[in-house]
Amino acid sequence: MKLIVCLGLLLTGMSMGGRAQSLKNTSWRMFVDQLHDSLTIHIGTDSSFVTSSDGSVVVRSVCKLSGDTVSLTDYDGQYACLDMKGTYKIGMVSDELGFTLIDDPCEGRVGTLNNSKWRKVAEK
């Protein structure tokens, strides 16, 4: 199972439904049936990563945002799809972040991200 995380994912903000929302310093969680575990995307100021429920980092990626489209290229982690660029449409409604496949040769990442819904993790 290949998973994603973006280095710099949407850090400056994005416009959804006519209003800009920043994802800087936020975290998003989703339960993945195939893993029988929850994954969390941690988005910081200049780095991001995905962790499993025990806190282990499972993958890191570089990503680029253009409008409502994000491209991902993994560079580290047990579930990395090295040298495979994936492109997804992203959308955010309230406390939910979604990904819709545009093009991605990485089957595991597609299986995890396509039509997925990630819930915002409350700030502590």
PDB file of N, CA and C in Angstrom:
ATOM      1  N   MET A   1       0.844  -1.165   0.000  1.00  0.00           N
ATOM      2  CA  MET A   1       0.000   0.000   0.000  1.00  0.00           C
ATOM      3  C   MET A   1       0.890   1.228   0.000  1.00  0.00           C
ATOM      4  N   LYS A   2       0.809   2.025  -1.034  1.00  0.00           N
ATOM      5  CA  LYS A   2       1.578   3.252  -1.130  1.00  0.00           C
ATOM      6  C   LYS A   2       0.725   4.402  -0.620  1.00  0.00           C
ATOM      7  N   LEU A   3       1.310   5.262   0.175  1.00  0.00           N
ATOM      8  CA  LEU A   3       0.594   6.366   0.789  1.00  0.00           C
ATOM      9  C   LEU A   3       1.284   7.661   0.411  1.00  0.00           C
ATOM     10  N   ILE A   4       0.682   8.786   0.757  1.00  0.00           N
ATOM     11  CA  ILE A   4       1.280  10.049   0.377  1.00  0.00           C
ATOM     12  C   ILE A   4       1.490  10.959   1.556  1.00  0.00           C
ATOM     13  N   VAL A   5       2.358  11.894   1.352  1.00  0.00           N
ATOM     14  CA  VAL A   5       2.476  13.065   2.200  1.00  0.00           C
ATOM     15  C   VAL A   5       3.186  14.104   1.378  1.00  0.00           C
ATOM     16  N   CYS A   6       2.904  15.343   1.591  1.00  0.00           N
ATOM     17  CA  CYS A   6       3.474  16.393   0.779  1.00  0.00           C
ATOM     18  C   CYS A   6       4.398  17.273   1.563  1.00  0.00           C
ATOM     19  N   LEU A   7       5.567  17.501   0.996  1.00  0.00           N
ATOM     20  CA  LEU A   7       6.478  18.482   1.543  1.00  0.00           C
ATOM     21  C   LEU A   7       6.020  19.823   1.007  1.00  0.00           C
ATOM     22  N   GLY A   8       5.412  20.602   1.862  1.00  0.00           N
ATOM     23  CA  GLY A   8       4.892  21.890   1.444  1.00  0.00           C
ATOM     24  C   GLY A   8       3.490  21.826   0.872  1.00  0.00           C
ATOM     25  N   LEU A   9       2.734  20.786   1.133  1.00  0.00           N
ATOM     26  CA  LEU A   9       1.381  20.615   0.582  1.00  0.00           C
ATOM     27  C   LEU A   9       0.483  21.766   0.987  1.00  0.00           C
ATOM     28  N   LEU A  10       0.023  22.529   0.038  1.00  0.00           N
ATOM     29  CA  LEU A  10      -0.986  23.556   0.250  1.00  0.00           C
ATOM     30  C   LEU A  10      -0.643  24.508   1.377  1.00  0.00           C
ATOM     31  N   LEU A  11       0.629  24.788   1.545  1.00  0.00           N
ATOM     32  CA  LEU A  11       1.037  25.527   2.727  1.00  0.00           C
ATOM     33  C   LEU A  11       0.602  26.981   2.713  1.00  0.00           C
ATOM     34  N   THR A  12       0.429  27.548   1.555  1.00  0.00           N
ATOM     35  CA  THR A  12       0.046  28.951   1.515  1.00  0.00           C
ATOM     36  C   THR A  12      -1.452  29.123   1.487  1.00  0.00           C
ATOM     37  N   GLY A  13      -2.209  28.048   1.346  1.00  0.00           N
ATOM     38  CA  GLY A  13      -3.665  28.136   1.344  1.00  0.00           C
ATOM     39  C   GLY A  13      -4.228  27.801  -0.017  1.00  0.00           C
ATOM     40  N   MET A  14      -5.523  27.623  -0.057  1.00  0.00           N
ATOM     41  CA  MET A  14      -6.200  27.298  -1.296  1.00  0.00           C
ATOM     42  C   MET A  14      -7.591  27.869  -1.235  1.00  0.00           C
ATOM     43  N   SER A  15      -8.179  28.083  -2.387  1.00  0.00           N
ATOM     44  CA  SER A  15      -9.523  28.642  -2.420  1.00  0.00           C
ATOM     45  C   SER A  15     -10.516  27.536  -2.723  1.00  0.00           C
ATOM     46  N   MET A  16     -11.461  27.343  -1.830  1.00  0.00           N
ATOM     47  CA  MET A  16     -12.507  26.345  -1.994  1.00  0.00           C
ATOM     48  C   MET A  16     -13.828  27.016  -1.705  1.00  0.00           C
ATOM     49  N   GLY A  17     -14.738  26.961  -2.651  1.00  0.00           N
ATOM     50  CA  GLY A  17     -16.046  27.542  -2.429  1.00  0.00           C
ATOM     51  C   GLY A  17     -15.983  29.048  -2.241  1.00  0.00           C
ATOM     52  N   GLY A  18     -15.002  29.704  -2.891  1.00  0.00           N
ATOM     53  CA  GLY A  18     -14.921  31.139  -2.848  1.00  0.00           C
ATOM     54  C   GLY A  18     -14.199  31.708  -1.638  1.00  0.00           C
ATOM     55  N   ARG A  19     -13.685  30.870  -0.754  1.00  0.00           N
ATOM     56  CA  ARG A  19     -12.946  31.415   0.382  1.00  0.00           C
ATOM     57  C   ARG A  19     -11.636  30.655   0.540  1.00  0.00           C
ATOM     58  N   ALA A  20     -10.608  31.377   0.909  1.00  0.00           N
ATOM     59  CA  ALA A  20      -9.292  30.763   1.073  1.00  0.00           C
ATOM     60  C   ALA A  20      -9.199  30.112   2.440  1.00  0.00           C
ATOM     61  N   GLN A  21      -8.638  28.913   2.470  1.00  0.00           N
ATOM     62  CA  GLN A  21      -8.395  28.219   3.723  1.00  0.00           C
ATOM     63  C   GLN A  21      -6.961  27.731   3.709  1.00  0.00           C
ATOM     64  N   SER A  22      -6.240  27.979   4.759  1.00  0.00           N
ATOM     65  CA  SER A  22      -4.863  27.528   4.859  1.00  0.00           C
ATOM     66  C   SER A  22      -4.816  26.150   5.506  1.00  0.00           C
ATOM     67  N   LEU A  23      -3.956  25.314   4.975  1.00  0.00           N
ATOM     68  CA  LEU A  23      -3.743  23.992   5.566  1.00  0.00           C
ATOM     69  C   LEU A  23      -2.455  23.959   6.373  1.00  0.00           C
ATOM     70  N   LYS A  24      -1.764  25.098   6.448  1.00  0.00           N
ATOM     71  CA  LYS A  24      -0.508  25.179   7.187  1.00  0.00           C
ATOM     72  C   LYS A  24      -0.742  24.847   8.653  1.00  0.00           C
ATOM     73  N   ASN A  25       0.116  23.965   9.182  1.00  0.00           N
ATOM     74  CA  ASN A  25       0.056  23.536  10.583  1.00  0.00           C
ATOM     75  C   ASN A  25      -1.261  22.851  10.942  1.00  0.00           C
ATOM     76  N   THR A  26      -1.761  22.012  10.031  1.00  0.00           N
ATOM     77  CA  THR A  26      -2.958  21.218  10.302  1.00  0.00           C
ATOM     78  C   THR A  26      -2.640  19.736  10.122  1.00  0.00           C
ATOM     79  N   SER A  27      -3.525  18.901  10.635  1.00  0.00           N
ATOM     80  CA  SER A  27      -3.400  17.452  10.478  1.00  0.00           C
ATOM     81  C   SER A  27      -4.757  16.901  10.064  1.00  0.00           C
ATOM     82  N   TRP A  28      -4.733  15.822   9.258  1.00  0.00           N
ATOM     83  CA  TRP A  28      -5.944  15.215   8.704  1.00  0.00           C
ATOM     84  C   TRP A  28      -5.844  13.708   8.864  1.00  0.00           C
ATOM     85  N   ARG A  29      -6.923  13.050   9.296  1.00  0.00           N
ATOM     86  CA  ARG A  29      -6.897  11.613   9.597  1.00  0.00           C
ATOM     87  C   ARG A  29      -7.946  10.864   8.779  1.00  0.00           C
ATOM     88  N   MET A  30      -7.598   9.623   8.430  1.00  0.00           N
ATOM     89  CA  MET A  30      -8.510   8.733   7.719  1.00  0.00           C
ATOM     90  C   MET A  30      -8.217   7.294   8.126  1.00  0.00           C
ATOM     91  N   PHE A  31      -9.263   6.473   8.279  1.00  0.00           N
ATOM     92  CA  PHE A  31      -9.086   5.050   8.539  1.00  0.00           C
ATOM     93  C   PHE A  31      -8.932   4.344   7.203  1.00  0.00           C
ATOM     94  N   VAL A  32      -7.897   3.506   7.070  1.00  0.00           N
ATOM     95  CA  VAL A  32      -7.627   2.762   5.838  1.00  0.00           C
ATOM     96  C   VAL A  32      -7.953   1.292   6.096  1.00  0.00           C
ATOM     97  N   ASP A  33      -9.033   0.815   5.461  1.00  0.00           N
ATOM     98  CA  ASP A  33      -9.485  -0.564   5.675  1.00  0.00           C
ATOM     99  C   ASP A  33      -8.393  -1.589   5.409  1.00  0.00           C
ATOM    100  N   GLN A  34      -7.645  -1.419   4.291  1.00  0.00           N
ATOM    101  CA  GLN A  34      -6.622  -2.400   3.916  1.00  0.00           C
ATOM    102  C   GLN A  34      -5.537  -2.539   4.979  1.00  0.00           C
ATOM    103  N   LEU A  35      -5.264  -1.466   5.708  1.00  0.00           N
ATOM    104  CA  LEU A  35      -4.240  -1.490   6.748  1.00  0.00           C
ATOM    105  C   LEU A  35      -4.809  -1.773   8.133  1.00  0.00           C
ATOM    106  N   HIS A  36      -6.138  -1.691   8.255  1.00  0.00           N
ATOM    107  CA  HIS A  36      -6.796  -1.801   9.562  1.00  0.00           C
ATOM    108  C   HIS A  36      -6.170  -0.816  10.545  1.00  0.00           C
ATOM    109  N   ASP A  37      -5.959   0.418  10.056  1.00  0.00           N
ATOM    110  CA  ASP A  37      -5.273   1.433  10.849  1.00  0.00           C
ATOM    111  C   ASP A  37      -5.672   2.823  10.363  1.00  0.00           C
ATOM    112  N   SER A  38      -5.526   3.801  11.221  1.00  0.00           N
ATOM    113  CA  SER A  38      -5.740   5.196  10.844  1.00  0.00           C
ATOM    114  C   SER A  38      -4.418   5.810  10.424  1.00  0.00           C
ATOM    115  N   LEU A  39      -4.468   6.653   9.402  1.00  0.00           N
ATOM    116  CA  LEU A  39      -3.306   7.403   8.952  1.00  0.00           C
ATOM    117  C   LEU A  39      -3.588   8.880   9.175  1.00  0.00           C
ATOM    118  N   THR A  40      -2.537   9.619   9.472  1.00  0.00           N
ATOM    119  CA  THR A  40      -2.667  11.054   9.687  1.00  0.00           C
ATOM    120  C   THR A  40      -1.650  11.786   8.833  1.00  0.00           C
ATOM    121  N   ILE A  41      -2.128  12.770   8.059  1.00  0.00           N
ATOM    122  CA  ILE A  41      -1.251  13.658   7.301  1.00  0.00           C
ATOM    123  C   ILE A  41      -0.992  14.865   8.181  1.00  0.00           C
ATOM    124  N   HIS A  42       0.280  15.137   8.457  1.00  0.00           N
ATOM    125  CA  HIS A  42       0.693  16.279   9.257  1.00  0.00           C
ATOM    126  C   HIS A  42       1.292  17.308   8.307  1.00  0.00           C
ATOM    127  N   ILE A  43       0.673  18.471   8.191  1.00  0.00           N
ATOM    128  CA  ILE A  43       1.114  19.502   7.262  1.00  0.00           C
ATOM    129  C   ILE A  43       1.688  20.660   8.069  1.00  0.00           C
ATOM    130  N   GLY A  44       2.982  20.920   7.894  1.00  0.00           N
ATOM    131  CA  GLY A  44       3.645  21.988   8.631  1.00  0.00           C
ATOM    132  C   GLY A  44       3.954  23.172   7.743  1.00  0.00           C
ATOM    133  N   THR A  45       4.849  24.012   8.207  1.00  0.00           N
ATOM    134  CA  THR A  45       5.227  25.198   7.446  1.00  0.00           C
ATOM    135  C   THR A  45       6.109  24.852   6.261  1.00  0.00           C
ATOM    136  N   ASP A  46       7.092  23.972   6.478  1.00  0.00           N
ATOM    137  CA  ASP A  46       8.005  23.634   5.386  1.00  0.00           C
ATOM    138  C   ASP A  46       8.227  22.137   5.238  1.00  0.00           C
ATOM    139  N   SER A  47       7.444  21.333   5.938  1.00  0.00           N
ATOM    140  CA  SER A  47       7.549  19.883   5.783  1.00  0.00           C
ATOM    141  C   SER A  47       6.242  19.226   6.211  1.00  0.00           C
ATOM    142  N   SER A  48       6.008  18.039   5.685  1.00  0.00           N
ATOM    143  CA  SER A  48       4.813  17.266   6.008  1.00  0.00           C
ATOM    144  C   SER A  48       5.150  15.789   5.972  1.00  0.00           C
ATOM    145  N   PHE A  49       4.310  14.984   6.641  1.00  0.00           N
ATOM    146  CA  PHE A  49       4.552  13.546   6.671  1.00  0.00           C
ATOM    147  C   PHE A  49       3.261  12.836   7.047  1.00  0.00           C
ATOM    148  N   VAL A  50       3.211  11.517   6.750  1.00  0.00           N
ATOM    149  CA  VAL A  50       2.068  10.680   7.110  1.00  0.00           C
ATOM    150  C   VAL A  50       2.520   9.701   8.179  1.00  0.00           C
ATOM    151  N   THR A  51       1.686   9.577   9.231  1.00  0.00           N
ATOM    152  CA  THR A  51       1.995   8.622  10.289  1.00  0.00           C
ATOM    153  C   THR A  51       0.866   7.614  10.443  1.00  0.00           C
ATOM    154  N   SER A  52       1.219   6.442  10.968  1.00  0.00           N
ATOM    155  CA  SER A  52       0.220   5.438  11.332  1.00  0.00           C
ATOM    156  C   SER A  52      -0.268   5.772  12.742  1.00  0.00           C
ATOM    157  N   SER A  53      -1.202   4.998  13.274  1.00  0.00           N
ATOM    158  CA  SER A  53      -1.764   5.294  14.593  1.00  0.00           C
ATOM    159  C   SER A  53      -0.735   5.191  15.718  1.00  0.00           C
ATOM    160  N   ASP A  54       0.354   4.434  15.508  1.00  0.00           N
ATOM    161  CA  ASP A  54       1.384   4.347  16.547  1.00  0.00           C
ATOM    162  C   ASP A  54       2.435   5.450  16.436  1.00  0.00           C
ATOM    163  N   GLY A  55       2.250   6.374  15.485  1.00  0.00           N
ATOM    164  CA  GLY A  55       3.156   7.505  15.323  1.00  0.00           C
ATOM    165  C   GLY A  55       4.304   7.279  14.362  1.00  0.00           C
ATOM    166  N   SER A  56       4.413   6.075  13.777  1.00  0.00           N
ATOM    167  CA  SER A  56       5.490   5.791  12.829  1.00  0.00           C
ATOM    168  C   SER A  56       5.263   6.543  11.524  1.00  0.00           C
ATOM    169  N   VAL A  57       6.330   7.180  11.011  1.00  0.00           N
ATOM    170  CA  VAL A  57       6.244   7.852   9.712  1.00  0.00           C
ATOM    171  C   VAL A  57       6.282   6.767   8.636  1.00  0.00           C
ATOM    172  N   VAL A  58       5.296   6.779   7.729  1.00  0.00           N
ATOM    173  CA  VAL A  58       5.211   5.729   6.716  1.00  0.00           C
ATOM    174  C   VAL A  58       5.587   6.186   5.313  1.00  0.00           C
ATOM    175  N   VAL A  59       5.524   7.495   5.030  1.00  0.00           N
ATOM    176  CA  VAL A  59       5.920   7.979   3.711  1.00  0.00           C
ATOM    177  C   VAL A  59       6.071   9.499   3.736  1.00  0.00           C
ATOM    178  N   ARG A  60       6.957   9.983   2.863  1.00  0.00           N
ATOM    179  CA  ARG A  60       7.169  11.421   2.655  1.00  0.00           C
ATOM    180  C   ARG A  60       7.167  11.674   1.153  1.00  0.00           C
ATOM    181  N   SER A  61       6.598  12.805   0.745  1.00  0.00           N
ATOM    182  CA  SER A  61       6.546  13.160  -0.677  1.00  0.00           C
ATOM    183  C   SER A  61       6.808  14.638  -0.868  1.00  0.00           C
ATOM    184  N   VAL A  62       7.273  14.969  -2.053  1.00  0.00           N
ATOM    185  CA  VAL A  62       7.340  16.356  -2.499  1.00  0.00           C
ATOM    186  C   VAL A  62       6.081  16.573  -3.309  1.00  0.00           C
ATOM    187  N   CYS A  63       5.450  17.722  -3.175  1.00  0.00           N
ATOM    188  CA  CYS A  63       4.248  17.974  -3.960  1.00  0.00           C
ATOM    189  C   CYS A  63       4.206  19.410  -4.439  1.00  0.00           C
ATOM    190  N   LYS A  64       3.401  19.610  -5.478  1.00  0.00           N
ATOM    191  CA  LYS A  64       3.220  20.940  -6.056  1.00  0.00           C
ATOM    192  C   LYS A  64       1.731  21.181  -6.214  1.00  0.00           C
ATOM    193  N   LEU A  65       1.302  22.373  -5.823  1.00  0.00           N
ATOM    194  CA  LEU A  65      -0.097  22.764  -5.917  1.00  0.00           C
ATOM    195  C   LEU A  65      -0.277  23.779  -7.027  1.00  0.00           C
ATOM    196  N   SER A  66      -1.285  23.561  -7.852  1.00  0.00           N
ATOM    197  CA  SER A  66      -1.663  24.505  -8.894  1.00  0.00           C
ATOM    198  C   SER A  66      -3.182  24.570  -8.893  1.00  0.00           C
ATOM    199  N   GLY A  67      -3.732  25.644  -8.342  1.00  0.00           N
ATOM    200  CA  GLY A  67      -5.188  25.765  -8.224  1.00  0.00           C
ATOM    201  C   GLY A  67      -5.721  24.683  -7.317  1.00  0.00           C
ATOM    202  N   ASP A  68      -6.634  23.859  -7.856  1.00  0.00           N
ATOM    203  CA  ASP A  68      -7.208  22.767  -7.063  1.00  0.00           C
ATOM    204  C   ASP A  68      -6.607  21.415  -7.436  1.00  0.00           C
ATOM    205  N   THR A  69      -5.373  21.441  -7.991  1.00  0.00           N
ATOM    206  CA  THR A  69      -4.685  20.218  -8.409  1.00  0.00           C
ATOM    207  C   THR A  69      -3.366  20.094  -7.661  1.00  0.00           C
ATOM    208  N   VAL A  70      -3.081  18.888  -7.192  1.00  0.00           N
ATOM    209  CA  VAL A  70      -1.827  18.629  -6.500  1.00  0.00           C
ATOM    210  C   VAL A  70      -1.104  17.479  -7.209  1.00  0.00           C
ATOM    211  N   SER A  71       0.223  17.627  -7.392  1.00  0.00           N
ATOM    212  CA  SER A  71       1.038  16.533  -7.932  1.00  0.00           C
ATOM    213  C   SER A  71       1.972  16.063  -6.821  1.00  0.00           C
ATOM    214  N   LEU A  72       2.146  14.744  -6.740  1.00  0.00           N
ATOM    215  CA  LEU A  72       2.892  14.110  -5.655  1.00  0.00           C
ATOM    216  C   LEU A  72       4.012  13.250  -6.204  1.00  0.00           C
ATOM    217  N   THR A  73       5.196  13.360  -5.600  1.00  0.00           N
ATOM    218  CA  THR A  73       6.316  12.493  -5.932  1.00  0.00           C
ATOM    219  C   THR A  73       6.950  12.044  -4.620  1.00  0.00           C
ATOM    220  N   ASP A  74       6.792  10.763  -4.274  1.00  0.00           N
ATOM    221  CA  ASP A  74       7.333  10.222  -3.027  1.00  0.00           C
ATOM    222  C   ASP A  74       8.856  10.183  -3.086  1.00  0.00           C
ATOM    223  N   TYR A  75       9.488  10.386  -1.917  1.00  0.00           N
ATOM    224  CA  TYR A  75      10.944  10.277  -1.867  1.00  0.00           C
ATOM    225  C   TYR A  75      11.450   9.412  -0.709  1.00  0.00           C
ATOM    226  N   ASP A  76      10.572   9.018   0.223  1.00  0.00           N
ATOM    227  CA  ASP A  76      11.032   8.244   1.375  1.00  0.00           C
ATOM    228  C   ASP A  76       9.861   7.521   2.025  1.00  0.00           C
ATOM    229  N   GLY A  77      10.153   6.386   2.645  1.00  0.00           N
ATOM    230  CA  GLY A  77       9.158   5.682   3.438  1.00  0.00           C
ATOM    231  C   GLY A  77       8.871   4.283   2.946  1.00  0.00           C
ATOM    232  N   GLN A  78       8.324   3.469   3.841  1.00  0.00           N
ATOM    233  CA  GLN A  78       8.060   2.073   3.515  1.00  0.00           C
ATOM    234  C   GLN A  78       7.017   1.917   2.417  1.00  0.00           C
ATOM    235  N   TYR A  79       6.128   2.899   2.230  1.00  0.00           N
ATOM    236  CA  TYR A  79       5.087   2.821   1.206  1.00  0.00           C
ATOM    237  C   TYR A  79       5.325   3.787   0.053  1.00  0.00           C
ATOM    238  N   ALA A  80       6.564   4.225  -0.134  1.00  0.00           N
ATOM    239  CA  ALA A  80       6.878   5.196  -1.187  1.00  0.00           C
ATOM    240  C   ALA A  80       6.816   4.558  -2.573  1.00  0.00           C
ATOM    241  N   CYS A  81       6.276   5.312  -3.523  1.00  0.00           N
ATOM    242  CA  CYS A  81       6.321   4.967  -4.948  1.00  0.00           C
ATOM    243  C   CYS A  81       7.373   5.884  -5.566  1.00  0.00           C
ATOM    244  N   LEU A  82       8.606   5.452  -5.499  1.00  0.00           N
ATOM    245  CA  LEU A  82       9.710   6.275  -5.979  1.00  0.00           C
ATOM    246  C   LEU A  82       9.620   6.493  -7.487  1.00  0.00           C
ATOM    247  N   ASP A  83       9.945   7.698  -7.922  1.00  0.00           N
ATOM    248  CA  ASP A  83       9.964   8.073  -9.343  1.00  0.00           C
ATOM    249  C   ASP A  83       8.611   7.926 -10.028  1.00  0.00           C
ATOM    250  N   MET A  84       7.524   8.022  -9.283  1.00  0.00           N
ATOM    251  CA  MET A  84       6.179   7.962  -9.861  1.00  0.00           C
ATOM    252  C   MET A  84       5.404   9.194  -9.428  1.00  0.00           C
ATOM    253  N   LYS A  85       5.052  10.026 -10.394  1.00  0.00           N
ATOM    254  CA  LYS A  85       4.298  11.243 -10.098  1.00  0.00           C
ATOM    255  C   LYS A  85       2.808  10.969 -10.198  1.00  0.00           C
ATOM    256  N   GLY A  86       2.079  11.358  -9.155  1.00  0.00           N
ATOM    257  CA  GLY A  86       0.628  11.232  -9.145  1.00  0.00           C
ATOM    258  C   GLY A  86      -0.011  12.604  -9.118  1.00  0.00           C
ATOM    259  N   THR A  87      -1.149  12.750  -9.811  1.00  0.00           N
ATOM    260  CA  THR A  87      -1.851  14.022  -9.862  1.00  0.00           C
ATOM    261  C   THR A  87      -3.299  13.828  -9.432  1.00  0.00           C
ATOM    262  N   TYR A  88      -3.763  14.692  -8.522  1.00  0.00           N
ATOM    263  CA  TYR A  88      -5.098  14.599  -7.949  1.00  0.00           C
ATOM    264  C   TYR A  88      -5.752  15.968  -7.872  1.00  0.00           C
ATOM    265  N   LYS A  89      -7.061  15.981  -8.024  1.00  0.00           N
ATOM    266  CA  LYS A  89      -7.847  17.178  -7.739  1.00  0.00           C
ATOM    267  C   LYS A  89      -8.137  17.132  -6.245  1.00  0.00           C
ATOM    268  N   ILE A  90      -8.005  18.273  -5.582  1.00  0.00           N
ATOM    269  CA  ILE A  90      -8.275  18.324  -4.157  1.00  0.00           C
ATOM    270  C   ILE A  90      -9.452  19.246  -3.886  1.00  0.00           C
ATOM    271  N   GLY A  91     -10.151  18.947  -2.813  1.00  0.00           N
ATOM    272  CA  GLY A  91     -11.268  19.781  -2.401  1.00  0.00           C
ATOM    273  C   GLY A  91     -11.389  19.773  -0.889  1.00  0.00           C
ATOM    274  N   MET A  92     -11.782  20.920  -0.347  1.00  0.00           N
ATOM    275  CA  MET A  92     -11.959  21.008   1.091  1.00  0.00           C
ATOM    276  C   MET A  92     -13.324  21.617   1.377  1.00  0.00           C
ATOM    277  N   VAL A  93     -14.091  20.905   2.194  1.00  0.00           N
ATOM    278  CA  VAL A  93     -15.397  21.386   2.639  1.00  0.00           C
ATOM    279  C   VAL A  93     -15.405  21.249   4.148  1.00  0.00           C
ATOM    280  N   SER A  94     -15.546  22.378   4.829  1.00  0.00           N
ATOM    281  CA  SER A  94     -15.574  22.399   6.290  1.00  0.00           C
ATOM    282  C   SER A  94     -14.327  21.711   6.824  1.00  0.00           C
ATOM    283  N   ASP A  95     -14.471  20.617   7.565  1.00  0.00           N
ATOM    284  CA  ASP A  95     -13.336  19.910   8.151  1.00  0.00           C
ATOM    285  C   ASP A  95     -13.016  18.615   7.417  1.00  0.00           C
ATOM    286  N   GLU A  96     -13.254  18.597   6.093  1.00  0.00           N
ATOM    287  CA  GLU A  96     -12.995  17.401   5.293  1.00  0.00           C
ATOM    288  C   GLU A  96     -12.153  17.755   4.077  1.00  0.00           C
ATOM    289  N   LEU A  97     -11.092  16.978   3.855  1.00  0.00           N
ATOM    290  CA  LEU A  97     -10.188  17.151   2.716  1.00  0.00           C
ATOM    291  C   LEU A  97     -10.318  15.928   1.826  1.00  0.00           C
ATOM    292  N   GLY A  98     -10.569  16.135   0.528  1.00  0.00           N
ATOM    293  CA  GLY A  98     -10.755  15.018  -0.399  1.00  0.00           C
ATOM    294  C   GLY A  98      -9.798  15.049  -1.575  1.00  0.00           C
ATOM    295  N   PHE A  99      -9.518  13.870  -2.132  1.00  0.00           N
ATOM    296  CA  PHE A  99      -8.648  13.701  -3.287  1.00  0.00           C
ATOM    297  C   PHE A  99      -9.405  12.925  -4.363  1.00  0.00           C
ATOM    298  N   THR A 100      -9.299  13.378  -5.616  1.00  0.00           N
ATOM    299  CA  THR A 100      -9.901  12.679  -6.749  1.00  0.00           C
ATOM    300  C   THR A 100      -8.821  12.472  -7.806  1.00  0.00           C
ATOM    301  N   LEU A 101      -8.647  11.243  -8.273  1.00  0.00           N
ATOM    302  CA  LEU A 101      -7.604  10.873  -9.225  1.00  0.00           C
ATOM    303  C   LEU A 101      -7.721  11.622 -10.542  1.00  0.00           C
ATOM    304  N   ILE A 102      -6.589  12.155 -10.997  1.00  0.00           N
ATOM    305  CA  ILE A 102      -6.453  12.649 -12.360  1.00  0.00           C
ATOM    306  C   ILE A 102      -5.565  11.662 -13.119  1.00  0.00           C
ATOM    307  N   ASP A 103      -4.349  11.383 -12.575  1.00  0.00           N
ATOM    308  CA  ASP A 103      -3.434  10.417 -13.185  1.00  0.00           C
ATOM    309  C   ASP A 103      -2.400  10.001 -12.145  1.00  0.00           C
ATOM    310  N   ASP A 104      -2.174   8.686 -12.009  1.00  0.00           N
ATOM    311  CA  ASP A 104      -1.180   8.187 -11.062  1.00  0.00           C
ATOM    312  C   ASP A 104      -0.842   6.739 -11.398  1.00  0.00           C
ATOM    313  N   PRO A 105       0.435   6.440 -11.723  1.00  0.00           N
ATOM    314  CA  PRO A 105       0.826   5.055 -12.014  1.00  0.00           C
ATOM    315  C   PRO A 105       0.983   4.194 -10.760  1.00  0.00           C
ATOM    316  N   CYS A 106       0.947   4.802  -9.578  1.00  0.00           N
ATOM    317  CA  CYS A 106       1.144   4.071  -8.318  1.00  0.00           C
ATOM    318  C   CYS A 106      -0.189   3.511  -7.822  1.00  0.00           C
ATOM    319  N   GLU A 107      -0.400   2.218  -7.997  1.00  0.00           N
ATOM    320  CA  GLU A 107      -1.671   1.589  -7.633  1.00  0.00           C
ATOM    321  C   GLU A 107      -2.010   1.735  -6.144  1.00  0.00           C
ATOM    322  N   GLY A 108      -1.022   1.584  -5.286  1.00  0.00           N
ATOM    323  CA  GLY A 108      -1.275   1.696  -3.856  1.00  0.00           C
ATOM    324  C   GLY A 108      -1.712   3.088  -3.439  1.00  0.00           C
ATOM    325  N   ARG A 109      -1.078   4.102  -4.018  1.00  0.00           N
ATOM    326  CA  ARG A 109      -1.450   5.481  -3.698  1.00  0.00           C
ATOM    327  C   ARG A 109      -2.845   5.773  -4.220  1.00  0.00           C
ATOM    328  N   VAL A 110      -3.160   5.292  -5.432  1.00  0.00           N
ATOM    329  CA  VAL A 110      -4.506   5.462  -5.985  1.00  0.00           C
ATOM    330  C   VAL A 110      -5.531   4.816  -5.064  1.00  0.00           C
ATOM    331  N   GLY A 111      -5.239   3.590  -4.599  1.00  0.00           N
ATOM    332  CA  GLY A 111      -6.163   2.873  -3.730  1.00  0.00           C
ATOM    333  C   GLY A 111      -6.410   3.576  -2.403  1.00  0.00           C
ATOM    334  N   THR A 112      -5.417   4.327  -1.946  1.00  0.00           N
ATOM    335  CA  THR A 112      -5.553   5.045  -0.684  1.00  0.00           C
ATOM    336  C   THR A 112      -6.190   6.418  -0.877  1.00  0.00           C
ATOM    337  N   LEU A 113      -5.785   7.134  -1.935  1.00  0.00           N
ATOM    338  CA  LEU A 113      -6.217   8.525  -2.083  1.00  0.00           C
ATOM    339  C   LEU A 113      -7.484   8.753  -2.894  1.00  0.00           C
ATOM    340  N   ASN A 114      -7.671   8.003  -3.973  1.00  0.00           N
ATOM    341  CA  ASN A 114      -8.785   8.313  -4.874  1.00  0.00           C
ATOM    342  C   ASN A 114     -10.125   8.235  -4.150  1.00  0.00           C
ATOM    343  N   ASN A 115     -10.872   9.320  -4.235  1.00  0.00           N
ATOM    344  CA  ASN A 115     -12.186   9.460  -3.592  1.00  0.00           C
ATOM    345  C   ASN A 115     -12.133   9.325  -2.070  1.00  0.00           C
ATOM    346  N   SER A 116     -10.971   9.604  -1.489  1.00  0.00           N
ATOM    347  CA  SER A 116     -10.839   9.522  -0.035  1.00  0.00           C
ATOM    348  C   SER A 116     -11.299  10.815   0.625  1.00  0.00           C
ATOM    349  N   LYS A 117     -11.674  10.699   1.886  1.00  0.00           N
ATOM    350  CA  LYS A 117     -12.099  11.836   2.695  1.00  0.00           C
ATOM    351  C   LYS A 117     -11.306  11.804   3.991  1.00  0.00           C
ATOM    352  N   TRP A 118     -10.530  12.837   4.230  1.00  0.00           N
ATOM    353  CA  TRP A 118      -9.700  12.970   5.419  1.00  0.00           C
ATOM    354  C   TRP A 118     -10.365  13.994   6.340  1.00  0.00           C
ATOM    355  N   ARG A 119     -10.498  13.672   7.608  1.00  0.00           N
ATOM    356  CA  ARG A 119     -11.120  14.552   8.593  1.00  0.00           C
ATOM    357  C   ARG A 119     -10.055  15.349   9.346  1.00  0.00           C
ATOM    358  N   LYS A 120     -10.320  16.614   9.542  1.00  0.00           N
ATOM    359  CA  LYS A 120      -9.378  17.471  10.263  1.00  0.00           C
ATOM    360  C   LYS A 120      -9.252  17.010  11.707  1.00  0.00           C
ATOM    361  N   VAL A 121      -8.001  16.954  12.184  1.00  0.00           N
ATOM    362  CA  VAL A 121      -7.719  16.591  13.559  1.00  0.00           C
ATOM    363  C   VAL A 121      -7.742  17.861  14.389  1.00  0.00           C
ATOM    364  N   ALA A 122      -8.453  17.841  15.494  1.00  0.00           N
ATOM    365  CA  ALA A 122      -8.591  19.020  16.357  1.00  0.00           C
ATOM    366  C   ALA A 122      -7.227  19.447  16.889  1.00  0.00           C
ATOM    367  N   GLU A 123      -7.033  20.749  16.948  1.00  0.00           N
ATOM    368  CA  GLU A 123      -5.795  21.316  17.509  1.00  0.00           C
ATOM    369  C   GLU A 123      -5.741  21.037  18.997  1.00  0.00           C
ATOM    370  N   LYS A 124      -4.539  20.796  19.520  1.00  0.00           N
ATOM    371  CA  LYS A 124      -4.381  20.527  20.953  1.00  0.00           C
ATOM    372  C   LYS A 124      -3.824  21.735  21.647  1.00  0.00           C
TER     373      LYS A 124
END
